[in-house]
Amino acid sequence: MSQASDHSTDQASNYSAGQASNHSFASSEQLTFTDISLTIWNQFKQIFNQIITENNYTLEEMCFSVAIDIRLLGENIKKATVQGFYERNIKKKNGYISTLDQI
């Protein structure tokens, strides 16, 4: 699991560097919250799938690994929540929501 954690840290660093270079473009365009949340979700899913492939994890193993990593950072999250986010199917009190905009 620490391999996935180290790899995801590297991915996050690469993402931050890319964000800095894209900052001037983003400021010149008016982005909506929907555009931003979809971009974040797509990048999350791309990194998530890459780590699954590289480590030969199942979806369940990867979701558990992410949940553990988040807990180690001091937050509380369940494996099912990570999987729901990955599948864009988050349970809400009054039903299911399918977009990040509603989370």
PDB file of N, CA and C in Angstrom:
ATOM      1  N   MET A   1       0.819  -1.190   0.000  1.00  0.00           N
ATOM      2  CA  MET A   1       0.000   0.000   0.000  1.00  0.00           C
ATOM      3  C   MET A   1       0.861   1.250   0.000  1.00  0.00           C
ATOM      4  N   SER A   2       2.061   1.161   0.605  1.00  0.00           N
ATOM      5  CA  SER A   2       2.900   2.339   0.615  1.00  0.00           C
ATOM      6  C   SER A   2       3.402   2.666  -0.776  1.00  0.00           C
ATOM      7  N   GLN A   3       3.542   1.638  -1.652  1.00  0.00           N
ATOM      8  CA  GLN A   3       3.923   1.908  -3.037  1.00  0.00           C
ATOM      9  C   GLN A   3       2.892   2.802  -3.693  1.00  0.00           C
ATOM     10  N   ALA A   4       1.632   2.493  -3.506  1.00  0.00           N
ATOM     11  CA  ALA A   4       0.564   3.300  -4.096  1.00  0.00           C
ATOM     12  C   ALA A   4       0.601   4.699  -3.512  1.00  0.00           C
ATOM     13  N   SER A   5       0.884   4.789  -2.221  1.00  0.00           N
ATOM     14  CA  SER A   5       0.931   6.090  -1.576  1.00  0.00           C
ATOM     15  C   SER A   5       2.069   6.930  -2.130  1.00  0.00           C
ATOM     16  N   ASP A   6       3.275   6.316  -2.261  1.00  0.00           N
ATOM     17  CA  ASP A   6       4.411   7.039  -2.811  1.00  0.00           C
ATOM     18  C   ASP A   6       4.137   7.459  -4.239  1.00  0.00           C
ATOM     19  N   HIS A   7       3.559   6.556  -5.024  1.00  0.00           N
ATOM     20  CA  HIS A   7       3.271   6.846  -6.423  1.00  0.00           C
ATOM     21  C   HIS A   7       2.233   7.949  -6.545  1.00  0.00           C
ATOM     22  N   SER A   8       1.207   7.902  -5.702  1.00  0.00           N
ATOM     23  CA  SER A   8       0.177   8.932  -5.784  1.00  0.00           C
ATOM     24  C   SER A   8       0.729  10.283  -5.348  1.00  0.00           C
ATOM     25  N   THR A   9       1.710  10.295  -4.428  1.00  0.00           N
ATOM     26  CA  THR A   9       2.345  11.545  -4.034  1.00  0.00           C
ATOM     27  C   THR A   9       3.103  12.136  -5.206  1.00  0.00           C
ATOM     28  N   ASP A  10       3.841  11.281  -5.947  1.00  0.00           N
ATOM     29  CA  ASP A  10       4.547  11.743  -7.142  1.00  0.00           C
ATOM     30  C   ASP A  10       3.566  12.299  -8.158  1.00  0.00           C
ATOM     31  N   GLN A  11       2.440  11.610  -8.350  1.00  0.00           N
ATOM     32  CA  GLN A  11       1.428  12.066  -9.298  1.00  0.00           C
ATOM     33  C   GLN A  11       0.878  13.423  -8.873  1.00  0.00           C
ATOM     34  N   ALA A  12       0.655  13.586  -7.575  1.00  0.00           N
ATOM     35  CA  ALA A  12       0.123  14.855  -7.080  1.00  0.00           C
ATOM     36  C   ALA A  12       1.122  15.981  -7.313  1.00  0.00           C
ATOM     37  N   SER A  13       2.427  15.707  -7.132  1.00  0.00           N
ATOM     38  CA  SER A  13       3.449  16.717  -7.389  1.00  0.00           C
ATOM     39  C   SER A  13       3.462  17.111  -8.852  1.00  0.00           C
ATOM     40  N   ASN A  14       3.375  16.111  -9.730  1.00  0.00           N
ATOM     41  CA  ASN A  14       3.334  16.392 -11.162  1.00  0.00           C
ATOM     42  C   ASN A  14       2.100  17.205 -11.509  1.00  0.00           C
ATOM     43  N   TYR A  15       0.986  16.891 -10.894  1.00  0.00           N
ATOM     44  CA  TYR A  15      -0.258  17.615 -11.158  1.00  0.00           C
ATOM     45  C   TYR A  15      -0.117  19.072 -10.719  1.00  0.00           C
ATOM     46  N   SER A  16       0.493  19.312  -9.544  1.00  0.00           N
ATOM     47  CA  SER A  16       0.665  20.673  -9.054  1.00  0.00           C
ATOM     48  C   SER A  16       1.528  21.494  -9.998  1.00  0.00           C
ATOM     49  N   ALA A  17       2.587  20.896 -10.530  1.00  0.00           N
ATOM     50  CA  ALA A  17       3.455  21.600 -11.471  1.00  0.00           C
ATOM     51  C   ALA A  17       2.686  21.964 -12.732  1.00  0.00           C
ATOM     52  N   GLY A  18       1.857  21.060 -13.201  1.00  0.00           N
ATOM     53  CA  GLY A  18       1.045  21.324 -14.386  1.00  0.00           C
ATOM     54  C   GLY A  18       0.027  22.412 -14.131  1.00  0.00           C
ATOM     55  N   GLN A  19      -0.511  22.445 -12.929  1.00  0.00           N
ATOM     56  CA  GLN A  19      -1.498  23.466 -12.585  1.00  0.00           C
ATOM     57  C   GLN A  19      -0.876  24.859 -12.637  1.00  0.00           C
ATOM     58  N   ALA A  20       0.367  24.982 -12.171  1.00  0.00           N
ATOM     59  CA  ALA A  20       1.025  26.286 -12.186  1.00  0.00           C
ATOM     60  C   ALA A  20       1.181  26.796 -13.612  1.00  0.00           C
ATOM     61  N   SER A  21       1.536  25.915 -14.539  1.00  0.00           N
ATOM     62  CA  SER A  21       1.715  26.340 -15.923  1.00  0.00           C
ATOM     63  C   SER A  21       0.387  26.655 -16.597  1.00  0.00           C
ATOM     64  N   ASN A  22      -0.694  26.078 -16.116  1.00  0.00           N
ATOM     65  CA  ASN A  22      -2.004  26.320 -16.706  1.00  0.00           C
ATOM     66  C   ASN A  22      -2.744  27.487 -16.055  1.00  0.00           C
ATOM     67  N   HIS A  23      -2.170  28.075 -15.022  1.00  0.00           N
ATOM     68  CA  HIS A  23      -2.865  29.119 -14.272  1.00  0.00           C
ATOM     69  C   HIS A  23      -3.223  30.318 -15.146  1.00  0.00           C
ATOM     70  N   SER A  24      -2.299  30.757 -15.999  1.00  0.00           N
ATOM     71  CA  SER A  24      -2.591  31.933 -16.821  1.00  0.00           C
ATOM     72  C   SER A  24      -3.710  31.643 -17.810  1.00  0.00           C
ATOM     73  N   PHE A  25      -3.756  30.424 -18.332  1.00  0.00           N
ATOM     74  CA  PHE A  25      -4.835  30.061 -19.248  1.00  0.00           C
ATOM     75  C   PHE A  25      -6.171  30.072 -18.520  1.00  0.00           C
ATOM     76  N   ALA A  26      -6.193  29.486 -17.330  1.00  0.00           N
ATOM     77  CA  ALA A  26      -7.443  29.395 -16.575  1.00  0.00           C
ATOM     78  C   ALA A  26      -7.965  30.778 -16.212  1.00  0.00           C
ATOM     79  N   SER A  27      -7.065  31.693 -15.903  1.00  0.00           N
ATOM     80  CA  SER A  27      -7.534  33.019 -15.515  1.00  0.00           C
ATOM     81  C   SER A  27      -8.107  33.790 -16.700  1.00  0.00           C
ATOM     82  N   SER A  28      -7.705  33.426 -17.917  1.00  0.00           N
ATOM     83  CA  SER A  28      -8.223  34.131 -19.082  1.00  0.00           C
ATOM     84  C   SER A  28      -9.553  33.563 -19.560  1.00  0.00           C
ATOM     85  N   GLU A  29      -9.919  32.410 -19.078  1.00  0.00           N
ATOM     86  CA  GLU A  29     -11.172  31.765 -19.451  1.00  0.00           C
ATOM     87  C   GLU A  29     -12.091  31.734 -18.235  1.00  0.00           C
ATOM     88  N   GLN A  30     -13.370  31.865 -18.463  1.00  0.00           N
ATOM     89  CA  GLN A  30     -14.314  31.756 -17.356  1.00  0.00           C
ATOM     90  C   GLN A  30     -14.728  30.299 -17.241  1.00  0.00           C
ATOM     91  N   LEU A  31     -14.325  29.666 -16.152  1.00  0.00           N
ATOM     92  CA  LEU A  31     -14.647  28.266 -15.926  1.00  0.00           C
ATOM     93  C   LEU A  31     -15.804  28.165 -14.950  1.00  0.00           C
ATOM     94  N   THR A  32     -16.651  27.194 -15.176  1.00  0.00           N
ATOM     95  CA  THR A  32     -17.741  26.956 -14.243  1.00  0.00           C
ATOM     96  C   THR A  32     -17.313  25.905 -13.237  1.00  0.00           C
ATOM     97  N   PHE A  33     -18.041  25.830 -12.139  1.00  0.00           N
ATOM     98  CA  PHE A  33     -17.757  24.812 -11.138  1.00  0.00           C
ATOM     99  C   PHE A  33     -17.885  23.420 -11.746  1.00  0.00           C
ATOM    100  N   THR A  34     -18.836  23.237 -12.643  1.00  0.00           N
ATOM    101  CA  THR A  34     -19.030  21.941 -13.299  1.00  0.00           C
ATOM    102  C   THR A  34     -17.791  21.553 -14.079  1.00  0.00           C
ATOM    103  N   ASP A  35     -17.218  22.481 -14.835  1.00  0.00           N
ATOM    104  CA  ASP A  35     -16.007  22.197 -15.599  1.00  0.00           C
ATOM    105  C   ASP A  35     -14.859  21.808 -14.686  1.00  0.00           C
ATOM    106  N   ILE A  36     -14.692  22.551 -13.612  1.00  0.00           N
ATOM    107  CA  ILE A  36     -13.593  22.294 -12.688  1.00  0.00           C
ATOM    108  C   ILE A  36     -13.771  20.950 -11.999  1.00  0.00           C
ATOM    109  N   SER A  37     -14.958  20.658 -11.507  1.00  0.00           N
ATOM    110  CA  SER A  37     -15.169  19.401 -10.793  1.00  0.00           C
ATOM    111  C   SER A  37     -15.021  18.207 -11.722  1.00  0.00           C
ATOM    112  N   LEU A  38     -15.459  18.330 -12.957  1.00  0.00           N
ATOM    113  CA  LEU A  38     -15.302  17.236 -13.904  1.00  0.00           C
ATOM    114  C   LEU A  38     -13.832  17.023 -14.240  1.00  0.00           C
ATOM    115  N   THR A  39     -13.079  18.097 -14.354  1.00  0.00           N
ATOM    116  CA  THR A  39     -11.643  17.994 -14.610  1.00  0.00           C
ATOM    117  C   THR A  39     -10.950  17.292 -13.452  1.00  0.00           C
ATOM    118  N   ILE A  40     -11.284  17.672 -12.228  1.00  0.00           N
ATOM    119  CA  ILE A  40     -10.692  17.033 -11.047  1.00  0.00           C
ATOM    120  C   ILE A  40     -11.035  15.554 -11.021  1.00  0.00           C
ATOM    121  N   TRP A  41     -12.287  15.220 -11.270  1.00  0.00           N
ATOM    122  CA  TRP A  41     -12.701  13.820 -11.242  1.00  0.00           C
ATOM    123  C   TRP A  41     -11.980  13.026 -12.331  1.00  0.00           C
ATOM    124  N   ASN A  42     -11.873  13.583 -13.531  1.00  0.00           N
ATOM    125  CA  ASN A  42     -11.182  12.889 -14.624  1.00  0.00           C
ATOM    126  C   ASN A  42      -9.717  12.651 -14.294  1.00  0.00           C
ATOM    127  N   GLN A  43      -9.051  13.642 -13.693  1.00  0.00           N
ATOM    128  CA  GLN A  43      -7.653  13.468 -13.312  1.00  0.00           C
ATOM    129  C   GLN A  43      -7.520  12.442 -12.194  1.00  0.00           C
ATOM    130  N   PHE A  44      -8.430  12.481 -11.228  1.00  0.00           N
ATOM    131  CA  PHE A  44      -8.428  11.482 -10.163  1.00  0.00           C
ATOM    132  C   PHE A  44      -8.555  10.081 -10.758  1.00  0.00           C
ATOM    133  N   LYS A  45      -9.512   9.903 -11.656  1.00  0.00           N
ATOM    134  CA  LYS A  45      -9.759   8.585 -12.233  1.00  0.00           C
ATOM    135  C   LYS A  45      -8.567   8.112 -13.067  1.00  0.00           C
ATOM    136  N   GLN A  46      -7.927   9.016 -13.786  1.00  0.00           N
ATOM    137  CA  GLN A  46      -6.761   8.652 -14.590  1.00  0.00           C
ATOM    138  C   GLN A  46      -5.619   8.166 -13.694  1.00  0.00           C
ATOM    139  N   ILE A  47      -5.321   8.894 -12.633  1.00  0.00           N
ATOM    140  CA  ILE A  47      -4.264   8.491 -11.701  1.00  0.00           C
ATOM    141  C   ILE A  47      -4.646   7.199 -10.994  1.00  0.00           C
ATOM    142  N   PHE A  48      -5.882   7.106 -10.554  1.00  0.00           N
ATOM    143  CA  PHE A  48      -6.402   5.924  -9.866  1.00  0.00           C
ATOM    144  C   PHE A  48      -6.224   4.685 -10.742  1.00  0.00           C
ATOM    145  N   ASN A  49      -6.655   4.772 -12.008  1.00  0.00           N
ATOM    146  CA  ASN A  49      -6.550   3.636 -12.935  1.00  0.00           C
ATOM    147  C   ASN A  49      -5.101   3.275 -13.226  1.00  0.00           C
ATOM    148  N   GLN A  50      -4.236   4.282 -13.314  1.00  0.00           N
ATOM    149  CA  GLN A  50      -2.820   4.022 -13.562  1.00  0.00           C
ATOM    150  C   GLN A  50      -2.212   3.232 -12.405  1.00  0.00           C
ATOM    151  N   ILE A  51      -2.529   3.615 -11.183  1.00  0.00           N
ATOM    152  CA  ILE A  51      -2.001   2.912 -10.009  1.00  0.00           C
ATOM    153  C   ILE A  51      -2.566   1.495  -9.934  1.00  0.00           C
ATOM    154  N   ILE A  52      -3.850   1.325 -10.248  1.00  0.00           N
ATOM    155  CA  ILE A  52      -4.450  -0.016 -10.273  1.00  0.00           C
ATOM    156  C   ILE A  52      -3.685  -0.912 -11.236  1.00  0.00           C
ATOM    157  N   THR A  53      -3.417  -0.406 -12.429  1.00  0.00           N
ATOM    158  CA  THR A  53      -2.735  -1.190 -13.461  1.00  0.00           C
ATOM    159  C   THR A  53      -1.303  -1.508 -13.053  1.00  0.00           C
ATOM    160  N   GLU A  54      -0.568  -0.503 -12.595  1.00  0.00           N
ATOM    161  CA  GLU A  54       0.839  -0.690 -12.236  1.00  0.00           C
ATOM    162  C   GLU A  54       1.023  -1.661 -11.080  1.00  0.00           C
ATOM    163  N   ASN A  55       0.086  -1.690 -10.148  1.00  0.00           N
ATOM    164  CA  ASN A  55       0.216  -2.538  -8.957  1.00  0.00           C
ATOM    165  C   ASN A  55      -0.643  -3.788  -9.010  1.00  0.00           C
ATOM    166  N   ASN A  56      -1.364  -3.957 -10.117  1.00  0.00           N
ATOM    167  CA  ASN A  56      -2.230  -5.119 -10.296  1.00  0.00           C
ATOM    168  C   ASN A  56      -3.240  -5.250  -9.146  1.00  0.00           C
ATOM    169  N   TYR A  57      -3.804  -4.098  -8.736  1.00  0.00           N
ATOM    170  CA  TYR A  57      -4.818  -4.081  -7.693  1.00  0.00           C
ATOM    171  C   TYR A  57      -6.195  -4.337  -8.295  1.00  0.00           C
ATOM    172  N   THR A  58      -7.085  -4.849  -7.463  1.00  0.00           N
ATOM    173  CA  THR A  58      -8.501  -4.861  -7.829  1.00  0.00           C
ATOM    174  C   THR A  58      -9.062  -3.491  -7.449  1.00  0.00           C
ATOM    175  N   LEU A  59     -10.256  -3.197  -7.923  1.00  0.00           N
ATOM    176  CA  LEU A  59     -10.892  -1.930  -7.563  1.00  0.00           C
ATOM    177  C   LEU A  59     -11.063  -1.840  -6.047  1.00  0.00           C
ATOM    178  N   GLU A  60     -11.471  -2.932  -5.439  1.00  0.00           N
ATOM    179  CA  GLU A  60     -11.680  -2.948  -3.989  1.00  0.00           C
ATOM    180  C   GLU A  60     -10.375  -2.686  -3.236  1.00  0.00           C
ATOM    181  N   GLU A  61      -9.277  -3.316  -3.674  1.00  0.00           N
ATOM    182  CA  GLU A  61      -7.985  -3.099  -3.020  1.00  0.00           C
ATOM    183  C   GLU A  61      -7.535  -1.642  -3.147  1.00  0.00           C
ATOM    184  N   MET A  62      -7.747  -1.072  -4.311  1.00  0.00           N
ATOM    185  CA  MET A  62      -7.331   0.312  -4.531  1.00  0.00           C
ATOM    186  C   MET A  62      -8.162   1.273  -3.693  1.00  0.00           C
ATOM    187  N   CYS A  63      -9.456   1.054  -3.634  1.00  0.00           N
ATOM    188  CA  CYS A  63     -10.320   1.913  -2.817  1.00  0.00           C
ATOM    189  C   CYS A  63      -9.928   1.832  -1.346  1.00  0.00           C
ATOM    190  N   PHE A  64      -9.603   0.635  -0.886  1.00  0.00           N
ATOM    191  CA  PHE A  64      -9.166   0.444   0.494  1.00  0.00           C
ATOM    192  C   PHE A  64      -7.846   1.178   0.732  1.00  0.00           C
ATOM    193  N   SER A  65      -6.914   1.066  -0.222  1.00  0.00           N
ATOM    194  CA  SER A  65      -5.623   1.735  -0.109  1.00  0.00           C
ATOM    195  C   SER A  65      -5.788   3.252  -0.014  1.00  0.00           C
ATOM    196  N   VAL A  66      -6.643   3.815  -0.845  1.00  0.00           N
ATOM    197  CA  VAL A  66      -6.892   5.259  -0.813  1.00  0.00           C
ATOM    198  C   VAL A  66      -7.521   5.658   0.524  1.00  0.00           C
ATOM    199  N   ALA A  67      -8.473   4.875   0.998  1.00  0.00           N
ATOM    200  CA  ALA A  67      -9.116   5.176   2.283  1.00  0.00           C
ATOM    201  C   ALA A  67      -8.092   5.161   3.418  1.00  0.00           C
ATOM    202  N   ILE A  68      -7.193   4.183   3.410  1.00  0.00           N
ATOM    203  CA  ILE A  68      -6.146   4.100   4.436  1.00  0.00           C
ATOM    204  C   ILE A  68      -5.229   5.316   4.351  1.00  0.00           C
ATOM    205  N   ASP A  69      -4.810   5.672   3.131  1.00  0.00           N
ATOM    206  CA  ASP A  69      -3.938   6.843   2.961  1.00  0.00           C
ATOM    207  C   ASP A  69      -4.605   8.116   3.479  1.00  0.00           C
ATOM    208  N   ILE A  70      -5.883   8.280   3.223  1.00  0.00           N
ATOM    209  CA  ILE A  70      -6.608   9.460   3.700  1.00  0.00           C
ATOM    210  C   ILE A  70      -6.703   9.436   5.220  1.00  0.00           C
ATOM    211  N   ARG A  71      -6.919   8.275   5.795  1.00  0.00           N
ATOM    212  CA  ARG A  71      -6.977   8.158   7.260  1.00  0.00           C
ATOM    213  C   ARG A  71      -5.631   8.500   7.884  1.00  0.00           C
ATOM    214  N   LEU A  72      -4.538   8.087   7.222  1.00  0.00           N
ATOM    215  CA  LEU A  72      -3.201   8.405   7.730  1.00  0.00           C
ATOM    216  C   LEU A  72      -2.935   9.910   7.720  1.00  0.00           C
ATOM    217  N   LEU A  73      -3.654  10.625   6.888  1.00  0.00           N
ATOM    218  CA  LEU A  73      -3.536  12.085   6.845  1.00  0.00           C
ATOM    219  C   LEU A  73      -4.434  12.760   7.883  1.00  0.00           C
ATOM    220  N   GLY A  74      -5.168  11.951   8.656  1.00  0.00           N
ATOM    221  CA  GLY A  74      -5.983  12.487   9.732  1.00  0.00           C
ATOM    222  C   GLY A  74      -7.453  12.663   9.419  1.00  0.00           C
ATOM    223  N   GLU A  75      -7.870  12.262   8.253  1.00  0.00           N
ATOM    224  CA  GLU A  75      -9.279  12.380   7.884  1.00  0.00           C
ATOM    225  C   GLU A  75      -9.948  11.016   7.995  1.00  0.00           C
ATOM    226  N   ASN A  76     -11.258  10.992   7.960  1.00  0.00           N
ATOM    227  CA  ASN A  76     -12.000   9.743   8.074  1.00  0.00           C
ATOM    228  C   ASN A  76     -12.832   9.541   6.814  1.00  0.00           C
ATOM    229  N   ILE A  77     -12.628   8.415   6.160  1.00  0.00           N
ATOM    230  CA  ILE A  77     -13.376   8.084   4.950  1.00  0.00           C
ATOM    231  C   ILE A  77     -13.493   6.570   4.868  1.00  0.00           C
ATOM    232  N   LYS A  78     -14.571   6.103   4.312  1.00  0.00           N
ATOM    233  CA  LYS A  78     -14.783   4.665   4.140  1.00  0.00           C
ATOM    234  C   LYS A  78     -14.407   4.254   2.725  1.00  0.00           C
ATOM    235  N   LYS A  79     -14.042   2.991   2.587  1.00  0.00           N
ATOM    236  CA  LYS A  79     -13.718   2.430   1.278  1.00  0.00           C
ATOM    237  C   LYS A  79     -14.883   2.611   0.320  1.00  0.00           C
ATOM    238  N   ALA A  80     -16.092   2.428   0.810  1.00  0.00           N
ATOM    239  CA  ALA A  80     -17.286   2.557  -0.039  1.00  0.00           C
ATOM    240  C   ALA A  80     -17.446   3.983  -0.573  1.00  0.00           C
ATOM    241  N   THR A  81     -17.033   4.969   0.209  1.00  0.00           N
ATOM    242  CA  THR A  81     -17.109   6.358  -0.248  1.00  0.00           C
ATOM    243  C   THR A  81     -16.123   6.606  -1.378  1.00  0.00           C
ATOM    244  N   VAL A  82     -14.915   6.065  -1.237  1.00  0.00           N
ATOM    245  CA  VAL A  82     -13.908   6.196  -2.302  1.00  0.00           C
ATOM    246  C   VAL A  82     -14.425   5.542  -3.571  1.00  0.00           C
ATOM    247  N   GLN A  83     -14.982   4.343  -3.440  1.00  0.00           N
ATOM    248  CA  GLN A  83     -15.509   3.641  -4.609  1.00  0.00           C
ATOM    249  C   GLN A  83     -16.679   4.411  -5.219  1.00  0.00           C
ATOM    250  N   GLY A  84     -17.537   4.970  -4.393  1.00  0.00           N
ATOM    251  CA  GLY A  84     -18.647   5.765  -4.902  1.00  0.00           C
ATOM    252  C   GLY A  84     -18.165   6.983  -5.666  1.00  0.00           C
ATOM    253  N   PHE A  85     -17.119   7.628  -5.156  1.00  0.00           N
ATOM    254  CA  PHE A  85     -16.541   8.776  -5.850  1.00  0.00           C
ATOM    255  C   PHE A  85     -15.956   8.340  -7.193  1.00  0.00           C
ATOM    256  N   TYR A  86     -15.224   7.229  -7.184  1.00  0.00           N
ATOM    257  CA  TYR A  86     -14.620   6.704  -8.415  1.00  0.00           C
ATOM    258  C   TYR A  86     -15.695   6.407  -9.458  1.00  0.00           C
ATOM    259  N   GLU A  87     -16.795   5.846  -9.009  1.00  0.00           N
ATOM    260  CA  GLU A  87     -17.888   5.479  -9.918  1.00  0.00           C
ATOM    261  C   GLU A  87     -18.866   6.632 -10.144  1.00  0.00           C
ATOM    262  N   ARG A  88     -18.607   7.774  -9.504  1.00  0.00           N
ATOM    263  CA  ARG A  88     -19.493   8.947  -9.580  1.00  0.00           C
ATOM    264  C   ARG A  88     -20.905   8.584  -9.130  1.00  0.00           C
ATOM    265  N   ASN A  89     -20.970   7.830  -8.071  1.00  0.00           N
ATOM    266  CA  ASN A  89     -22.246   7.376  -7.532  1.00  0.00           C
ATOM    267  C   ASN A  89     -22.186   7.504  -6.012  1.00  0.00           C
ATOM    268  N   ILE A  90     -22.390   8.697  -5.527  1.00  0.00           N
ATOM    269  CA  ILE A  90     -22.288   8.972  -4.099  1.00  0.00           C
ATOM    270  C   ILE A  90     -23.687   8.965  -3.492  1.00  0.00           C
ATOM    271  N   LYS A  91     -23.839   8.229  -2.406  1.00  0.00           N
ATOM    272  CA  LYS A  91     -25.145   8.155  -1.751  1.00  0.00           C
ATOM    273  C   LYS A  91     -25.353   9.391  -0.878  1.00  0.00           C
ATOM    274  N   LYS A  92     -26.485   9.988  -1.025  1.00  0.00           N
ATOM    275  CA  LYS A  92     -26.886  11.148  -0.247  1.00  0.00           C
ATOM    276  C   LYS A  92     -28.138  10.748   0.536  1.00  0.00           C
ATOM    277  N   LYS A  93     -28.447  11.441   1.586  1.00  0.00           N
ATOM    278  CA  LYS A  93     -29.588  11.069   2.427  1.00  0.00           C
ATOM    279  C   LYS A  93     -30.874  10.879   1.637  1.00  0.00           C
ATOM    280  N   ASN A  94     -31.115  11.737   0.675  1.00  0.00           N
ATOM    281  CA  ASN A  94     -32.377  11.653  -0.067  1.00  0.00           C
ATOM    282  C   ASN A  94     -32.241  10.914  -1.398  1.00  0.00           C
ATOM    283  N   GLY A  95     -31.202  10.123  -1.561  1.00  0.00           N
ATOM    284  CA  GLY A  95     -31.038   9.364  -2.797  1.00  0.00           C
ATOM    285  C   GLY A  95     -29.610   9.414  -3.289  1.00  0.00           C
ATOM    286  N   TYR A  96     -29.422   9.065  -4.539  1.00  0.00           N
ATOM    287  CA  TYR A  96     -28.089   9.044  -5.117  1.00  0.00           C
ATOM    288  C   TYR A  96     -27.849  10.278  -5.961  1.00  0.00           C
ATOM    289  N   ILE A  97     -26.620  10.745  -5.949  1.00  0.00           N
ATOM    290  CA  ILE A  97     -26.226  11.845  -6.812  1.00  0.00           C
ATOM    291  C   ILE A  97     -25.105  11.351  -7.713  1.00  0.00           C
ATOM    292  N   SER A  98     -25.008  11.893  -8.888  1.00  0.00           N
ATOM    293  CA  SER A  98     -24.042  11.346  -9.833  1.00  0.00           C
ATOM    294  C   SER A  98     -22.993  12.340 -10.295  1.00  0.00           C
ATOM    295  N   THR A  99     -22.994  13.560  -9.797  1.00  0.00           N
ATOM    296  CA  THR A  99     -21.979  14.515 -10.204  1.00  0.00           C
ATOM    297  C   THR A  99     -21.300  15.115  -8.992  1.00  0.00           C
ATOM    298  N   LEU A 100     -20.071  15.536  -9.181  1.00  0.00           N
ATOM    299  CA  LEU A 100     -19.320  16.163  -8.100  1.00  0.00           C
ATOM    300  C   LEU A 100     -19.942  17.479  -7.676  1.00  0.00           C
ATOM    301  N   ASP A 101     -20.621  18.131  -8.590  1.00  0.00           N
ATOM    302  CA  ASP A 101     -21.221  19.427  -8.294  1.00  0.00           C
ATOM    303  C   ASP A 101     -22.221  19.337  -7.153  1.00  0.00           C
ATOM    304  N   GLN A 102     -22.817  18.185  -6.957  1.00  0.00           N
ATOM    305  CA  GLN A 102     -23.850  18.026  -5.943  1.00  0.00           C
ATOM    306  C   GLN A 102     -23.308  17.506  -4.621  1.00  0.00           C
ATOM    307  N   ILE A 103     -22.027  17.170  -4.580  1.00  0.00           N
ATOM    308  CA  ILE A 103     -21.437  16.614  -3.354  1.00  0.00           C
ATOM    309  C   ILE A 103     -21.277  17.702  -2.312  1.00  0.00           C
TER     310      ILE A 103
END
